[in-house]
Amino acid sequence: MAERQVVDREALHRILDEGLVAHVGLIRQGPEGAYPVVIAMGYARDGESILLHGSSGGGMTREAAAGRPVSVAVTHLDGLVFARTLFDSSMNYRSVVVLGVASVVPDAEKAAALDLIGEHLMPGRVAEVRAMTKKEMAATMVLRIPLDEVSVKVRAYGASEEEGDGESREVWAGVLPLAVHPGTPQTSALTPAGVPVPASVLALASADRNS
């Protein structure tokens, strides 16, 4: 709906910065013709572009790198809106759709780009783990898509209702807020007893990414 369109650049950045998963779609060519594919990918915003990473051997990654137009969607579901009819019920959400053509991040810039994605997904973790090996770097491709053609939509209000709309007020209407919250860190089976949970995990476990 047109009234949900947002043109504020800061709102665009905020929605992307608070998200973790992007759904990336493109048209692939198969033996029987073209067909659409959508996959979920980790990402990060780098100024006025978005960085995606995936396997350098992945078919979809390679096709995006070859110049096929892509669509990237990031959505936050903030609440279910209960109106007095299913027709008027809705969702409160914030969403960004980016349309464009991806370019491959050069090898000289790949390590920094992957660190940026790592810091976005797991702040502070890059400093706690070893650097990626040449083999791991070769197995990973990073794509950059400019934030030139974007659509930002936001719904953040209550149930649609008006005085004299004829609907029974004995039927409850309102909003059920929804949010993603971290749980308790779970240590891996091969981590020796006594190894402390690192600062990056503790910080993220206590953070509210919806604020």
N, C-alpha and C. Protein backbone atom coordinates (compact mmCIF):
# COMPACT_ATOMS: atom_id res chain seq x y z
N MET A 1 0.83 -1.19 0.00
CA MET A 1 0.00 0.00 0.00
C MET A 1 0.87 1.24 0.00
N ALA A 2 0.48 2.22 -0.79
CA ALA A 2 1.31 3.41 -0.98
C ALA A 2 1.57 4.16 0.31
N GLU A 3 0.60 4.16 1.23
CA GLU A 3 0.78 4.92 2.47
C GLU A 3 1.83 4.29 3.40
N ARG A 4 2.25 3.10 3.11
CA ARG A 4 3.28 2.45 3.93
C ARG A 4 4.69 2.68 3.38
N GLN A 5 4.77 3.36 2.26
CA GLN A 5 6.07 3.64 1.67
C GLN A 5 6.82 4.66 2.50
N VAL A 6 8.11 4.40 2.75
CA VAL A 6 8.97 5.29 3.52
C VAL A 6 10.15 5.67 2.65
N VAL A 7 10.47 6.97 2.61
CA VAL A 7 11.59 7.42 1.77
C VAL A 7 12.77 7.90 2.61
N ASP A 8 12.65 7.79 3.93
CA ASP A 8 13.72 8.21 4.83
C ASP A 8 14.91 7.27 4.71
N ARG A 9 16.06 7.81 4.34
CA ARG A 9 17.26 6.98 4.15
C ARG A 9 17.72 6.38 5.47
N GLU A 10 17.56 7.10 6.57
CA GLU A 10 17.95 6.57 7.87
C GLU A 10 17.10 5.37 8.25
N ALA A 11 15.82 5.39 7.88
CA ALA A 11 14.95 4.25 8.16
C ALA A 11 15.42 3.03 7.37
N LEU A 12 15.82 3.24 6.13
CA LEU A 12 16.38 2.16 5.31
C LEU A 12 17.59 1.54 5.99
N HIS A 13 18.52 2.38 6.42
CA HIS A 13 19.74 1.88 7.06
C HIS A 13 19.40 1.15 8.36
N ARG A 14 18.48 1.69 9.14
CA ARG A 14 18.14 1.09 10.43
C ARG A 14 17.53 -0.30 10.26
N ILE A 15 16.65 -0.45 9.30
CA ILE A 15 16.03 -1.76 9.06
C ILE A 15 17.09 -2.78 8.65
N LEU A 16 18.00 -2.39 7.78
CA LEU A 16 19.05 -3.31 7.36
C LEU A 16 20.02 -3.62 8.50
N ASP A 17 20.35 -2.61 9.29
CA ASP A 17 21.31 -2.81 10.38
C ASP A 17 20.75 -3.70 11.49
N GLU A 18 19.44 -3.72 11.66
CA GLU A 18 18.84 -4.54 12.71
C GLU A 18 18.54 -5.96 12.25
N GLY A 19 18.62 -6.22 10.96
CA GLY A 19 18.32 -7.54 10.43
C GLY A 19 19.53 -8.45 10.42
N LEU A 20 19.28 -9.74 10.24
CA LEU A 20 20.35 -10.74 10.18
C LEU A 20 20.29 -11.58 8.91
N VAL A 21 19.10 -11.78 8.38
CA VAL A 21 18.91 -12.67 7.24
C VAL A 21 18.25 -11.91 6.10
N ALA A 22 18.81 -12.08 4.91
CA ALA A 22 18.21 -11.52 3.69
C ALA A 22 17.74 -12.68 2.82
N HIS A 23 16.58 -12.51 2.21
CA HIS A 23 16.10 -13.50 1.24
C HIS A 23 16.40 -12.96 -0.15
N VAL A 24 17.21 -13.72 -0.87
CA VAL A 24 17.75 -13.27 -2.15
C VAL A 24 17.11 -14.09 -3.27
N GLY A 25 16.54 -13.40 -4.24
CA GLY A 25 15.87 -14.08 -5.34
C GLY A 25 16.45 -13.69 -6.69
N LEU A 26 16.47 -14.65 -7.59
CA LEU A 26 16.82 -14.37 -8.98
C LEU A 26 16.18 -15.44 -9.87
N ILE A 27 16.23 -15.18 -11.16
CA ILE A 27 15.72 -16.14 -12.13
C ILE A 27 16.88 -17.00 -12.62
N ARG A 28 16.79 -18.30 -12.39
CA ARG A 28 17.84 -19.22 -12.84
C ARG A 28 17.42 -19.88 -14.14
N GLN A 29 18.42 -20.29 -14.90
CA GLN A 29 18.17 -20.99 -16.16
C GLN A 29 18.44 -22.47 -15.96
N GLY A 30 17.45 -23.30 -16.23
CA GLY A 30 17.60 -24.74 -16.12
C GLY A 30 17.37 -25.42 -17.45
N PRO A 31 17.48 -26.75 -17.47
CA PRO A 31 17.29 -27.49 -18.72
C PRO A 31 15.93 -27.27 -19.35
N GLU A 32 14.93 -26.99 -18.51
CA GLU A 32 13.57 -26.81 -19.03
C GLU A 32 13.15 -25.36 -19.07
N GLY A 33 14.11 -24.46 -18.92
CA GLY A 33 13.77 -23.05 -18.99
C GLY A 33 14.06 -22.30 -17.71
N ALA A 34 13.58 -21.08 -17.64
CA ALA A 34 13.84 -20.22 -16.49
C ALA A 34 12.87 -20.51 -15.35
N TYR A 35 13.38 -20.37 -14.12
CA TYR A 35 12.53 -20.55 -12.94
C TYR A 35 13.07 -19.69 -11.80
N PRO A 36 12.20 -19.20 -10.92
CA PRO A 36 12.65 -18.34 -9.82
C PRO A 36 13.18 -19.15 -8.65
N VAL A 37 14.20 -18.61 -7.99
CA VAL A 37 14.78 -19.24 -6.80
C VAL A 37 14.99 -18.16 -5.74
N VAL A 38 14.68 -18.50 -4.50
CA VAL A 38 14.92 -17.60 -3.36
C VAL A 38 15.67 -18.38 -2.29
N ILE A 39 16.78 -17.82 -1.79
CA ILE A 39 17.51 -18.46 -0.71
C ILE A 39 17.78 -17.42 0.38
N ALA A 40 17.99 -17.90 1.59
CA ALA A 40 18.31 -17.04 2.72
C ALA A 40 19.82 -16.92 2.85
N MET A 41 20.31 -15.71 3.08
CA MET A 41 21.76 -15.48 3.18
C MET A 41 22.05 -14.49 4.29
N GLY A 42 23.19 -14.67 4.97
CA GLY A 42 23.67 -13.66 5.90
C GLY A 42 24.18 -12.46 5.12
N TYR A 43 24.11 -11.29 5.73
CA TYR A 43 24.49 -10.09 5.01
C TYR A 43 24.98 -9.03 5.98
N ALA A 44 25.42 -7.91 5.43
CA ALA A 44 25.74 -6.72 6.21
C ALA A 44 25.59 -5.51 5.30
N ARG A 45 25.28 -4.39 5.89
CA ARG A 45 25.27 -3.13 5.13
C ARG A 45 26.64 -2.50 5.21
N ASP A 46 27.13 -2.06 4.07
CA ASP A 46 28.40 -1.35 4.01
C ASP A 46 28.13 -0.01 3.34
N GLY A 47 27.84 1.00 4.16
CA GLY A 47 27.50 2.31 3.61
C GLY A 47 26.25 2.25 2.77
N GLU A 48 26.36 2.57 1.50
CA GLU A 48 25.22 2.58 0.60
C GLU A 48 25.19 1.33 -0.30
N SER A 49 25.61 0.21 0.28
CA SER A 49 25.51 -1.06 -0.42
C SER A 49 25.28 -2.16 0.59
N ILE A 50 24.88 -3.32 0.10
CA ILE A 50 24.67 -4.48 0.96
C ILE A 50 25.62 -5.57 0.51
N LEU A 51 26.23 -6.26 1.48
CA LEU A 51 27.17 -7.35 1.19
C LEU A 51 26.50 -8.69 1.48
N LEU A 52 26.62 -9.61 0.56
CA LEU A 52 26.11 -10.97 0.72
C LEU A 52 27.27 -11.93 0.59
N HIS A 53 27.23 -13.04 1.31
CA HIS A 53 28.31 -14.01 1.14
C HIS A 53 27.73 -15.41 1.02
N GLY A 54 28.41 -16.21 0.21
CA GLY A 54 27.98 -17.58 0.00
C GLY A 54 29.12 -18.39 -0.59
N SER A 55 28.83 -19.63 -0.93
CA SER A 55 29.84 -20.52 -1.49
C SER A 55 30.23 -20.05 -2.89
N SER A 56 31.53 -20.02 -3.15
CA SER A 56 32.00 -19.65 -4.49
C SER A 56 31.62 -20.70 -5.52
N GLY A 57 31.28 -21.89 -5.05
CA GLY A 57 30.85 -22.95 -5.96
C GLY A 57 29.36 -23.06 -6.11
N GLY A 58 28.61 -22.25 -5.36
CA GLY A 58 27.15 -22.32 -5.42
C GLY A 58 26.62 -21.78 -6.74
N GLY A 59 25.68 -22.51 -7.33
CA GLY A 59 25.15 -22.09 -8.62
C GLY A 59 24.48 -20.73 -8.58
N MET A 60 23.71 -20.49 -7.54
CA MET A 60 23.00 -19.21 -7.46
C MET A 60 23.98 -18.07 -7.24
N THR A 61 24.99 -18.30 -6.41
CA THR A 61 26.00 -17.27 -6.17
C THR A 61 26.72 -16.92 -7.46
N ARG A 62 27.09 -17.94 -8.22
CA ARG A 62 27.79 -17.70 -9.48
C ARG A 62 26.91 -16.95 -10.47
N GLU A 63 25.63 -17.29 -10.52
CA GLU A 63 24.75 -16.62 -11.47
C GLU A 63 24.53 -15.16 -11.08
N ALA A 64 24.42 -14.91 -9.78
CA ALA A 64 24.31 -13.52 -9.34
C ALA A 64 25.58 -12.75 -9.70
N ALA A 65 26.74 -13.40 -9.52
CA ALA A 65 28.01 -12.77 -9.84
C ALA A 65 28.15 -12.51 -11.33
N ALA A 66 27.44 -13.29 -12.14
CA ALA A 66 27.54 -13.14 -13.59
C ALA A 66 26.70 -12.00 -14.12
N GLY A 67 25.95 -11.35 -13.25
CA GLY A 67 25.21 -10.17 -13.69
C GLY A 67 23.72 -10.34 -13.79
N ARG A 68 23.16 -11.46 -13.33
CA ARG A 68 21.70 -11.60 -13.34
C ARG A 68 21.09 -10.64 -12.31
N PRO A 69 20.02 -9.96 -12.66
CA PRO A 69 19.37 -9.08 -11.69
C PRO A 69 18.90 -9.87 -10.47
N VAL A 70 19.06 -9.29 -9.30
CA VAL A 70 18.67 -9.95 -8.06
C VAL A 70 17.72 -9.05 -7.26
N SER A 71 16.97 -9.69 -6.41
CA SER A 71 16.10 -9.00 -5.45
C SER A 71 16.50 -9.46 -4.06
N VAL A 72 16.70 -8.51 -3.17
CA VAL A 72 17.11 -8.82 -1.79
C VAL A 72 16.06 -8.24 -0.85
N ALA A 73 15.48 -9.08 0.00
CA ALA A 73 14.43 -8.63 0.92
C ALA A 73 14.85 -8.89 2.37
N VAL A 74 14.66 -7.89 3.22
CA VAL A 74 14.88 -8.01 4.66
C VAL A 74 13.60 -7.53 5.34
N THR A 75 13.06 -8.36 6.24
CA THR A 75 11.78 -8.03 6.87
C THR A 75 11.85 -8.28 8.37
N HIS A 76 11.29 -7.36 9.15
CA HIS A 76 11.09 -7.53 10.58
C HIS A 76 9.59 -7.62 10.83
N LEU A 77 9.15 -8.69 11.45
CA LEU A 77 7.74 -8.82 11.83
C LEU A 77 7.60 -8.35 13.26
N ASP A 78 6.93 -7.20 13.46
CA ASP A 78 6.84 -6.57 14.77
C ASP A 78 5.55 -6.88 15.52
N GLY A 79 4.55 -7.39 14.84
CA GLY A 79 3.31 -7.70 15.54
C GLY A 79 2.24 -8.22 14.61
N LEU A 80 1.30 -8.96 15.19
CA LEU A 80 0.10 -9.39 14.47
C LEU A 80 -1.04 -8.45 14.86
N VAL A 81 -1.73 -7.94 13.87
CA VAL A 81 -2.79 -6.96 14.09
C VAL A 81 -4.13 -7.68 13.98
N PHE A 82 -4.85 -7.78 15.10
CA PHE A 82 -6.13 -8.46 15.16
C PHE A 82 -7.26 -7.44 15.00
N ALA A 83 -7.88 -7.42 13.85
CA ALA A 83 -9.04 -6.57 13.64
C ALA A 83 -10.31 -7.39 13.91
N ARG A 84 -11.45 -6.79 13.70
CA ARG A 84 -12.71 -7.49 13.99
C ARG A 84 -13.18 -8.33 12.81
N THR A 85 -12.43 -8.31 11.73
CA THR A 85 -12.65 -9.22 10.62
C THR A 85 -11.29 -9.69 10.13
N LEU A 86 -11.25 -10.86 9.53
CA LEU A 86 -9.99 -11.33 8.97
C LEU A 86 -9.55 -10.45 7.81
N PHE A 87 -10.51 -9.89 7.09
CA PHE A 87 -10.18 -9.02 5.97
C PHE A 87 -9.37 -7.81 6.42
N ASP A 88 -9.72 -7.25 7.58
CA ASP A 88 -9.04 -6.06 8.07
C ASP A 88 -7.83 -6.37 8.94
N SER A 89 -7.63 -7.64 9.30
CA SER A 89 -6.47 -8.00 10.10
C SER A 89 -5.20 -7.84 9.28
N SER A 90 -4.07 -7.65 9.98
CA SER A 90 -2.85 -7.33 9.25
C SER A 90 -1.63 -7.70 10.07
N MET A 91 -0.49 -7.14 9.72
CA MET A 91 0.77 -7.31 10.44
C MET A 91 1.44 -5.95 10.56
N ASN A 92 2.12 -5.74 11.67
CA ASN A 92 3.03 -4.61 11.78
C ASN A 92 4.42 -5.09 11.40
N TYR A 93 5.07 -4.38 10.51
CA TYR A 93 6.33 -4.85 9.98
C TYR A 93 7.16 -3.69 9.47
N ARG A 94 8.44 -3.98 9.25
CA ARG A 94 9.37 -3.07 8.56
C ARG A 94 10.10 -3.89 7.52
N SER A 95 10.11 -3.43 6.29
CA SER A 95 10.72 -4.23 5.23
C SER A 95 11.49 -3.36 4.26
N VAL A 96 12.52 -3.99 3.69
CA VAL A 96 13.32 -3.37 2.63
C VAL A 96 13.45 -4.37 1.50
N VAL A 97 13.22 -3.91 0.29
CA VAL A 97 13.49 -4.71 -0.90
C VAL A 97 14.50 -3.94 -1.75
N VAL A 98 15.59 -4.59 -2.08
CA VAL A 98 16.65 -4.00 -2.90
C VAL A 98 16.67 -4.71 -4.25
N LEU A 99 16.65 -3.94 -5.32
CA LEU A 99 16.73 -4.50 -6.66
C LEU A 99 18.03 -4.03 -7.30
N GLY A 100 18.74 -4.92 -7.98
CA GLY A 100 19.97 -4.49 -8.61
C GLY A 100 20.77 -5.64 -9.19
N VAL A 101 21.97 -5.31 -9.56
CA VAL A 101 22.91 -6.29 -10.11
C VAL A 101 24.12 -6.34 -9.19
N ALA A 102 24.50 -7.55 -8.81
CA ALA A 102 25.60 -7.73 -7.87
C ALA A 102 26.94 -7.66 -8.58
N SER A 103 27.94 -7.20 -7.86
CA SER A 103 29.32 -7.26 -8.33
C SER A 103 30.13 -8.06 -7.31
N VAL A 104 31.15 -8.74 -7.78
CA VAL A 104 31.98 -9.56 -6.89
C VAL A 104 32.99 -8.67 -6.19
N VAL A 105 33.07 -8.80 -4.87
CA VAL A 105 34.08 -8.06 -4.11
C VAL A 105 35.45 -8.62 -4.46
N PRO A 106 36.39 -7.77 -4.87
CA PRO A 106 37.73 -8.25 -5.27
C PRO A 106 38.44 -8.97 -4.13
N ASP A 107 39.35 -9.86 -4.50
CA ASP A 107 40.09 -10.63 -3.50
C ASP A 107 40.80 -9.72 -2.49
N ALA A 108 41.31 -8.58 -2.95
CA ALA A 108 42.04 -7.69 -2.06
C ALA A 108 41.14 -7.08 -0.99
N GLU A 109 39.83 -7.07 -1.24
CA GLU A 109 38.88 -6.46 -0.30
C GLU A 109 38.02 -7.50 0.40
N LYS A 110 38.21 -8.78 0.03
CA LYS A 110 37.30 -9.82 0.52
C LYS A 110 37.42 -10.02 2.04
N ALA A 111 38.62 -10.04 2.57
CA ALA A 111 38.80 -10.28 4.00
C ALA A 111 38.10 -9.21 4.82
N ALA A 112 38.25 -7.95 4.41
CA ALA A 112 37.60 -6.86 5.14
C ALA A 112 36.08 -6.96 5.03
N ALA A 113 35.59 -7.36 3.85
CA ALA A 113 34.15 -7.51 3.67
C ALA A 113 33.59 -8.63 4.54
N LEU A 114 34.32 -9.75 4.61
CA LEU A 114 33.86 -10.85 5.45
C LEU A 114 33.92 -10.49 6.93
N ASP A 115 34.92 -9.72 7.32
CA ASP A 115 34.97 -9.25 8.71
C ASP A 115 33.77 -8.36 9.01
N LEU A 116 33.38 -7.53 8.04
CA LEU A 116 32.23 -6.65 8.24
C LEU A 116 30.95 -7.46 8.41
N ILE A 117 30.79 -8.49 7.59
CA ILE A 117 29.62 -9.36 7.74
C ILE A 117 29.65 -10.07 9.09
N GLY A 118 30.84 -10.56 9.48
CA GLY A 118 30.98 -11.22 10.77
C GLY A 118 30.64 -10.31 11.92
N GLU A 119 31.10 -9.06 11.85
CA GLU A 119 30.81 -8.10 12.92
C GLU A 119 29.34 -7.75 12.98
N HIS A 120 28.68 -7.76 11.82
CA HIS A 120 27.24 -7.49 11.82
C HIS A 120 26.46 -8.63 12.46
N LEU A 121 26.81 -9.86 12.11
CA LEU A 121 26.08 -11.02 12.62
C LEU A 121 26.47 -11.37 14.05
N MET A 122 27.77 -11.26 14.37
CA MET A 122 28.29 -11.65 15.68
C MET A 122 29.29 -10.60 16.14
N PRO A 123 28.82 -9.48 16.63
CA PRO A 123 29.73 -8.38 16.99
C PRO A 123 30.81 -8.83 17.98
N GLY A 124 32.07 -8.50 17.68
CA GLY A 124 33.18 -8.84 18.55
C GLY A 124 33.80 -10.20 18.31
N ARG A 125 33.16 -11.04 17.50
CA ARG A 125 33.65 -12.41 17.32
C ARG A 125 34.91 -12.46 16.48
N VAL A 126 35.08 -11.55 15.54
CA VAL A 126 36.25 -11.58 14.66
C VAL A 126 37.54 -11.57 15.46
N ALA A 127 37.57 -10.82 16.55
CA ALA A 127 38.78 -10.71 17.37
C ALA A 127 39.03 -11.94 18.22
N GLU A 128 38.05 -12.84 18.33
CA GLU A 128 38.17 -14.01 19.21
C GLU A 128 38.58 -15.28 18.48
N VAL A 129 38.53 -15.28 17.16
CA VAL A 129 38.80 -16.50 16.40
C VAL A 129 39.96 -16.27 15.42
N ARG A 130 40.50 -17.35 14.90
CA ARG A 130 41.61 -17.24 13.95
C ARG A 130 41.13 -16.62 12.65
N ALA A 131 42.07 -16.13 11.87
CA ALA A 131 41.76 -15.60 10.55
C ALA A 131 41.40 -16.74 9.60
N MET A 132 40.63 -16.43 8.58
CA MET A 132 40.28 -17.44 7.58
C MET A 132 41.51 -17.88 6.80
N THR A 133 41.54 -19.14 6.45
CA THR A 133 42.65 -19.66 5.65
C THR A 133 42.44 -19.30 4.17
N LYS A 134 43.52 -19.47 3.37
CA LYS A 134 43.40 -19.20 1.93
C LYS A 134 42.35 -20.12 1.30
N LYS A 135 42.30 -21.37 1.76
CA LYS A 135 41.31 -22.31 1.22
C LYS A 135 39.89 -21.86 1.54
N GLU A 136 39.69 -21.40 2.78
CA GLU A 136 38.36 -20.92 3.17
C GLU A 136 37.98 -19.67 2.39
N MET A 137 38.96 -18.79 2.19
CA MET A 137 38.69 -17.57 1.43
C MET A 137 38.31 -17.91 -0.01
N ALA A 138 39.01 -18.87 -0.58
CA ALA A 138 38.73 -19.27 -1.97
C ALA A 138 37.35 -19.90 -2.11
N ALA A 139 36.89 -20.54 -1.04
CA ALA A 139 35.59 -21.22 -1.08
C ALA A 139 34.43 -20.26 -0.84
N THR A 140 34.73 -19.00 -0.56
CA THR A 140 33.70 -18.03 -0.21
C THR A 140 33.69 -16.89 -1.22
N MET A 141 32.49 -16.50 -1.64
CA MET A 141 32.33 -15.36 -2.54
C MET A 141 31.53 -14.29 -1.81
N VAL A 142 31.95 -13.05 -1.98
CA VAL A 142 31.21 -11.92 -1.42
C VAL A 142 30.69 -11.07 -2.56
N LEU A 143 29.42 -10.75 -2.50
CA LEU A 143 28.76 -9.94 -3.52
C LEU A 143 28.36 -8.60 -2.93
N ARG A 144 28.44 -7.57 -3.73
CA ARG A 144 28.03 -6.23 -3.31
C ARG A 144 26.89 -5.75 -4.22
N ILE A 145 25.82 -5.27 -3.59
CA ILE A 145 24.69 -4.73 -4.34
C ILE A 145 24.43 -3.31 -3.86
N PRO A 146 24.45 -2.34 -4.73
CA PRO A 146 24.23 -0.95 -4.30
C PRO A 146 22.79 -0.72 -3.87
N LEU A 147 22.63 0.18 -2.91
CA LEU A 147 21.30 0.54 -2.43
C LEU A 147 20.74 1.69 -3.27
N ASP A 148 20.70 1.46 -4.59
CA ASP A 148 20.23 2.49 -5.50
C ASP A 148 18.73 2.39 -5.75
N GLU A 149 18.26 1.17 -5.97
CA GLU A 149 16.83 0.95 -6.22
C GLU A 149 16.25 0.16 -5.05
N VAL A 150 15.55 0.85 -4.17
CA VAL A 150 15.05 0.22 -2.95
C VAL A 150 13.60 0.60 -2.72
N SER A 151 12.91 -0.26 -1.99
CA SER A 151 11.56 0.02 -1.53
C SER A 151 11.51 -0.27 -0.04
N VAL A 152 11.11 0.74 0.74
CA VAL A 152 11.00 0.59 2.19
C VAL A 152 9.53 0.73 2.56
N LYS A 153 9.00 -0.28 3.24
CA LYS A 153 7.59 -0.25 3.68
C LYS A 153 7.54 -0.49 5.18
N VAL A 154 6.65 0.26 5.85
CA VAL A 154 6.49 0.13 7.30
C VAL A 154 5.01 0.22 7.64
N ARG A 155 4.54 -0.72 8.48
CA ARG A 155 3.23 -0.59 9.12
C ARG A 155 3.48 -0.67 10.61
N ALA A 156 3.02 0.34 11.34
CA ALA A 156 3.30 0.40 12.78
C ALA A 156 2.14 1.08 13.50
N TYR A 157 0.97 0.51 13.36
CA TYR A 157 -0.19 1.08 14.05
C TYR A 157 -1.19 -0.02 14.36
N GLY A 158 -2.26 0.36 15.00
CA GLY A 158 -3.21 -0.61 15.52
C GLY A 158 -4.20 -1.12 14.50
N ALA A 159 -5.23 -1.79 15.02
CA ALA A 159 -6.25 -2.39 14.15
C ALA A 159 -7.06 -1.30 13.47
N SER A 160 -7.46 -1.58 12.24
CA SER A 160 -8.31 -0.65 11.50
C SER A 160 -9.71 -0.69 12.11
N GLU A 161 -10.15 0.45 12.60
CA GLU A 161 -11.49 0.56 13.17
C GLU A 161 -11.92 2.02 13.12
N GLU A 162 -13.23 2.21 12.96
CA GLU A 162 -13.80 3.55 12.89
C GLU A 162 -15.13 3.57 13.64
N GLU A 163 -15.44 4.70 14.19
CA GLU A 163 -16.75 4.86 14.80
C GLU A 163 -17.83 4.65 13.74
N GLY A 164 -18.83 3.86 14.10
CA GLY A 164 -19.93 3.63 13.18
C GLY A 164 -19.63 2.68 12.05
N ASP A 165 -18.58 1.84 12.20
CA ASP A 165 -18.25 0.92 11.12
C ASP A 165 -19.14 -0.32 11.11
N GLY A 166 -20.00 -0.44 12.11
CA GLY A 166 -20.96 -1.53 12.14
C GLY A 166 -20.43 -2.82 12.74
N GLU A 167 -19.16 -2.84 13.17
CA GLU A 167 -18.59 -4.05 13.74
C GLU A 167 -18.86 -4.11 15.25
N SER A 168 -19.08 -5.33 15.76
CA SER A 168 -19.38 -5.52 17.17
C SER A 168 -18.15 -5.21 18.03
N ARG A 169 -18.34 -4.36 19.04
CA ARG A 169 -17.25 -4.05 19.95
C ARG A 169 -17.06 -5.15 21.00
N GLU A 170 -17.88 -6.18 20.93
CA GLU A 170 -17.69 -7.34 21.80
C GLU A 170 -16.60 -8.26 21.26
N VAL A 171 -16.15 -8.00 20.05
CA VAL A 171 -15.04 -8.75 19.46
C VAL A 171 -13.76 -7.97 19.73
N TRP A 172 -12.77 -8.62 20.38
CA TRP A 172 -11.53 -7.94 20.73
C TRP A 172 -10.74 -7.56 19.48
N ALA A 173 -10.15 -6.39 19.52
CA ALA A 173 -9.26 -5.94 18.45
C ALA A 173 -8.01 -5.33 19.09
N GLY A 174 -6.88 -5.49 18.47
CA GLY A 174 -5.64 -4.94 19.01
C GLY A 174 -4.43 -5.54 18.33
N VAL A 175 -3.28 -5.38 18.98
CA VAL A 175 -2.01 -5.82 18.41
C VAL A 175 -1.31 -6.76 19.38
N LEU A 176 -0.80 -7.86 18.86
CA LEU A 176 0.06 -8.76 19.63
C LEU A 176 1.50 -8.49 19.18
N PRO A 177 2.30 -7.78 20.00
CA PRO A 177 3.68 -7.50 19.59
C PRO A 177 4.50 -8.79 19.49
N LEU A 178 5.42 -8.80 18.55
CA LEU A 178 6.33 -9.93 18.37
C LEU A 178 7.76 -9.39 18.29
N ALA A 179 8.71 -10.16 18.81
CA ALA A 179 10.11 -9.73 18.78
C ALA A 179 11.00 -10.96 18.89
N VAL A 180 12.23 -10.81 18.41
CA VAL A 180 13.24 -11.88 18.52
C VAL A 180 14.15 -11.55 19.70
N HIS A 181 14.31 -12.50 20.61
CA HIS A 181 15.16 -12.29 21.78
C HIS A 181 16.16 -13.44 21.91
N PRO A 182 17.40 -13.16 22.32
CA PRO A 182 18.39 -14.23 22.48
C PRO A 182 18.05 -15.15 23.64
N GLY A 183 18.48 -16.39 23.52
CA GLY A 183 18.30 -17.35 24.60
C GLY A 183 19.59 -17.55 25.36
N THR A 184 19.67 -18.66 26.07
CA THR A 184 20.86 -18.99 26.85
C THR A 184 21.90 -19.65 25.95
N PRO A 185 23.16 -19.19 25.96
CA PRO A 185 24.20 -19.81 25.13
C PRO A 185 24.32 -21.31 25.43
N GLN A 186 24.50 -22.10 24.39
CA GLN A 186 24.63 -23.55 24.52
C GLN A 186 26.01 -23.97 24.05
N THR A 187 26.84 -24.46 24.97
CA THR A 187 28.21 -24.84 24.67
C THR A 187 28.25 -26.11 23.82
N SER A 188 29.16 -26.14 22.84
CA SER A 188 29.26 -27.31 21.96
C SER A 188 29.79 -28.52 22.71
N ALA A 189 29.53 -29.70 22.13
CA ALA A 189 29.90 -30.95 22.80
C ALA A 189 31.41 -31.12 22.94
N LEU A 190 32.20 -30.55 22.02
CA LEU A 190 33.66 -30.74 22.05
C LEU A 190 34.39 -29.58 22.71
N THR A 191 33.66 -28.64 23.27
CA THR A 191 34.30 -27.55 24.02
C THR A 191 34.57 -28.06 25.44
N PRO A 192 35.84 -28.06 25.89
CA PRO A 192 36.15 -28.59 27.23
C PRO A 192 35.41 -27.84 28.33
N ALA A 193 35.10 -28.57 29.39
CA ALA A 193 34.46 -27.97 30.55
C ALA A 193 35.36 -26.88 31.11
N GLY A 194 34.79 -25.79 31.49
CA GLY A 194 35.56 -24.69 32.07
C GLY A 194 35.94 -23.60 31.10
N VAL A 195 35.79 -23.86 29.79
CA VAL A 195 36.06 -22.80 28.81
C VAL A 195 34.93 -21.77 28.93
N PRO A 196 35.27 -20.53 29.23
CA PRO A 196 34.20 -19.54 29.47
C PRO A 196 33.50 -19.13 28.18
N VAL A 197 32.26 -18.76 28.32
CA VAL A 197 31.53 -18.18 27.19
C VAL A 197 32.18 -16.84 26.86
N PRO A 198 32.57 -16.59 25.61
CA PRO A 198 33.32 -15.38 25.29
C PRO A 198 32.48 -14.12 25.38
N ALA A 199 33.19 -13.00 25.41
CA ALA A 199 32.54 -11.71 25.58
C ALA A 199 31.55 -11.41 24.46
N SER A 200 31.89 -11.82 23.23
CA SER A 200 31.00 -11.52 22.11
C SER A 200 29.64 -12.19 22.29
N VAL A 201 29.66 -13.45 22.75
CA VAL A 201 28.41 -14.19 22.94
C VAL A 201 27.62 -13.61 24.11
N LEU A 202 28.31 -13.32 25.21
CA LEU A 202 27.62 -12.75 26.38
C LEU A 202 26.98 -11.40 26.05
N ALA A 203 27.70 -10.59 25.27
CA ALA A 203 27.16 -9.27 24.90
C ALA A 203 25.93 -9.42 24.04
N LEU A 204 25.99 -10.32 23.07
CA LEU A 204 24.86 -10.52 22.17
C LEU A 204 23.69 -11.17 22.89
N ALA A 205 23.99 -12.05 23.85
CA ALA A 205 22.93 -12.71 24.60
C ALA A 205 22.15 -11.72 25.46
N SER A 206 22.80 -10.64 25.85
CA SER A 206 22.12 -9.66 26.70
C SER A 206 21.59 -8.46 25.91
N ALA A 207 21.84 -8.46 24.61
CA ALA A 207 21.44 -7.32 23.78
C ALA A 207 20.01 -7.49 23.29
N ASP A 208 19.38 -6.38 22.96
CA ASP A 208 18.05 -6.38 22.37
C ASP A 208 18.18 -5.83 20.96
N ARG A 209 18.19 -6.71 19.98
CA ARG A 209 18.39 -6.26 18.60
C ARG A 209 17.15 -5.61 18.03
N ASN A 210 16.05 -5.61 18.79
CA ASN A 210 14.83 -4.99 18.31
C ASN A 210 14.68 -3.56 18.79
N SER A 211 15.64 -3.10 19.61
CA SER A 211 15.52 -1.74 20.15
C SER A 211 16.03 -0.72 19.14
